[in-house]
């Protein structure tokens, strides 16, 4: 794979490498969310959450749209297809199972976020 062809994969894997961004993806598995609702359970400023959201959007993992005065975030699960195809090339990985991915994100989220 050429460096230019691997750039989208690099962006996806870089976005998935951060536990906060994985937690955000886990939250968005349930439904679209307003940015302020995404930020509410996270122990950081709204500006910091917005930076994480920009990275996820840049990787194509989420989309954002403005509805009235509120910015909404939506999970784009098909964006994981390129990563899944790349991993399948090694013959050791199954296609991405979104239910299993959801369980992984939920367990990872439980480990990464501080207890209330």
Protein backbone atom coordinates (compact mmCIF):
# COMPACT_ATOMS: atom_id res chain seq x y z
CA UNK A 1 0.00 0.00 0.00
CA UNK A 2 1.42 3.36 -0.97
CA UNK A 3 1.82 6.12 1.64
CA UNK A 4 -0.90 8.15 -0.07
CA UNK A 5 -3.31 5.20 0.01
CA UNK A 6 -2.60 4.56 3.70
CA UNK A 7 -3.31 8.17 4.74
CA UNK A 8 -7.07 7.59 5.37
CA UNK A 9 -6.28 4.48 7.42
CA UNK A 10 -3.65 6.38 9.40
CA UNK A 11 -6.25 9.02 10.20
CA UNK A 12 -8.82 6.43 11.30
CA UNK A 13 -6.40 4.50 13.50
CA UNK A 14 -5.01 7.73 14.98
CA UNK A 15 -8.55 8.83 15.86
CA UNK A 16 -9.33 5.44 17.45
CA UNK A 17 -6.09 5.47 19.48
CA UNK A 18 -7.42 7.96 22.03
CA UNK A 19 -9.66 6.65 24.87
CA UNK A 20 -11.72 9.85 24.96
CA UNK A 21 -12.53 9.54 21.27
CA UNK A 22 -13.45 5.87 21.72
CA UNK A 23 -15.74 6.92 24.59
CA UNK A 24 -17.39 9.49 22.34
CA UNK A 25 -17.95 6.86 19.64
CA UNK A 26 -19.50 4.60 22.26
CA UNK A 27 -21.92 7.34 23.29
CA UNK A 28 -22.88 7.95 19.67
CA UNK A 29 -23.71 4.27 19.14
CA UNK A 30 -27.00 4.93 20.93
CA UNK A 31 -28.18 7.96 18.96
CA UNK A 32 -27.20 11.33 17.54
CA UNK A 33 -26.15 13.74 20.29
CA UNK A 34 -25.73 17.46 20.70
CA UNK A 35 -22.12 18.50 21.30
CA UNK A 36 -23.01 19.71 24.80
CA UNK A 37 -24.52 16.32 25.63
CA UNK A 38 -21.39 14.56 24.38
CA UNK A 39 -19.27 16.83 26.58
CA UNK A 40 -21.40 16.51 29.73
CA UNK A 41 -19.98 13.21 31.11
CA UNK A 42 -16.40 13.91 30.04
CA UNK A 43 -13.92 15.42 32.52
CA UNK A 44 -12.72 18.21 30.20
CA UNK A 45 -13.75 21.54 28.74
CA UNK A 46 -16.19 21.93 25.89
CA UNK A 47 -13.30 23.29 23.79
CA UNK A 48 -11.28 20.10 24.40
CA UNK A 49 -14.27 17.92 23.48
CA UNK A 50 -14.75 19.98 20.31
CA UNK A 51 -11.15 19.23 19.32
CA UNK A 52 -11.76 15.50 19.80
CA UNK A 53 -14.94 15.77 17.73
CA UNK A 54 -13.04 17.56 14.96
CA UNK A 55 -10.51 14.69 14.84
CA UNK A 56 -13.30 12.11 14.67
CA UNK A 57 -15.05 14.11 11.93
CA UNK A 58 -11.78 14.50 10.02
CA UNK A 59 -11.37 10.72 10.09
CA UNK A 60 -14.94 10.31 8.81
CA UNK A 61 -15.98 8.43 11.96
CA UNK A 62 -18.66 10.99 12.79
CA UNK A 63 -20.51 13.72 10.97
CA UNK A 64 -21.68 17.00 12.43
CA UNK A 65 -24.56 19.23 11.43
CA UNK A 66 -26.10 22.35 12.80
CA UNK A 67 -29.80 22.17 13.65
CA UNK A 68 -30.93 25.59 14.71
CA UNK A 69 -28.38 26.79 17.24
CA UNK A 70 -27.31 23.29 18.24
CA UNK A 71 -24.49 21.29 16.65
CA UNK A 72 -25.29 17.57 16.47
CA UNK A 73 -22.94 14.61 16.09
CA UNK A 74 -23.77 11.36 14.32
CA UNK A 75 -21.77 8.14 14.18
CA UNK A 76 -20.72 7.07 10.66
CA UNK A 77 -20.13 3.32 11.14
CA UNK A 78 -19.41 2.67 7.44
CA UNK A 79 -16.21 4.68 7.82
CA UNK A 80 -14.71 1.69 9.65
CA UNK A 81 -15.04 -0.39 6.49
CA UNK A 82 -11.60 0.65 5.15
CA UNK A 83 -9.94 -0.37 8.41
CA UNK A 84 -11.86 -3.64 8.43
CA UNK A 85 -10.84 -4.45 4.85
CA UNK A 86 -7.22 -3.64 5.65
CA UNK A 87 -7.25 -5.94 8.71
CA UNK A 88 -8.94 -8.73 6.74
CA UNK A 89 -6.02 -8.72 4.33
CA UNK A 90 -3.99 -10.35 7.08
CA UNK A 91 -6.47 -13.23 7.24
CA UNK A 92 -6.67 -13.08 11.03
CA UNK A 93 -9.59 -10.71 11.43
CA UNK A 94 -13.27 -11.02 10.74
CA UNK A 95 -15.31 -8.20 9.19
CA UNK A 96 -16.19 -5.50 11.71
CA UNK A 97 -19.17 -6.66 13.76
CA UNK A 98 -20.79 -3.45 15.00
CA UNK A 99 -22.45 -5.24 17.94
CA UNK A 100 -19.07 -6.56 19.08
CA UNK A 101 -17.51 -3.16 18.46
CA UNK A 102 -20.22 -1.58 20.63
CA UNK A 103 -19.48 -4.06 23.44
CA UNK A 104 -15.76 -3.30 23.13
CA UNK A 105 -16.36 0.45 23.29
CA UNK A 106 -18.67 0.07 26.30
CA UNK A 107 -16.12 -2.01 28.20
CA UNK A 108 -13.31 0.34 27.21
CA UNK A 109 -15.42 3.32 28.28
CA UNK A 110 -16.10 1.73 31.67
CA UNK A 111 -12.36 1.38 32.22
CA UNK A 112 -11.32 4.82 30.96
CA UNK A 113 -13.84 7.17 32.57
CA UNK A 114 -13.52 8.03 36.26
CA UNK A 115 -16.24 6.66 38.54
CA UNK A 116 -18.84 9.15 39.79
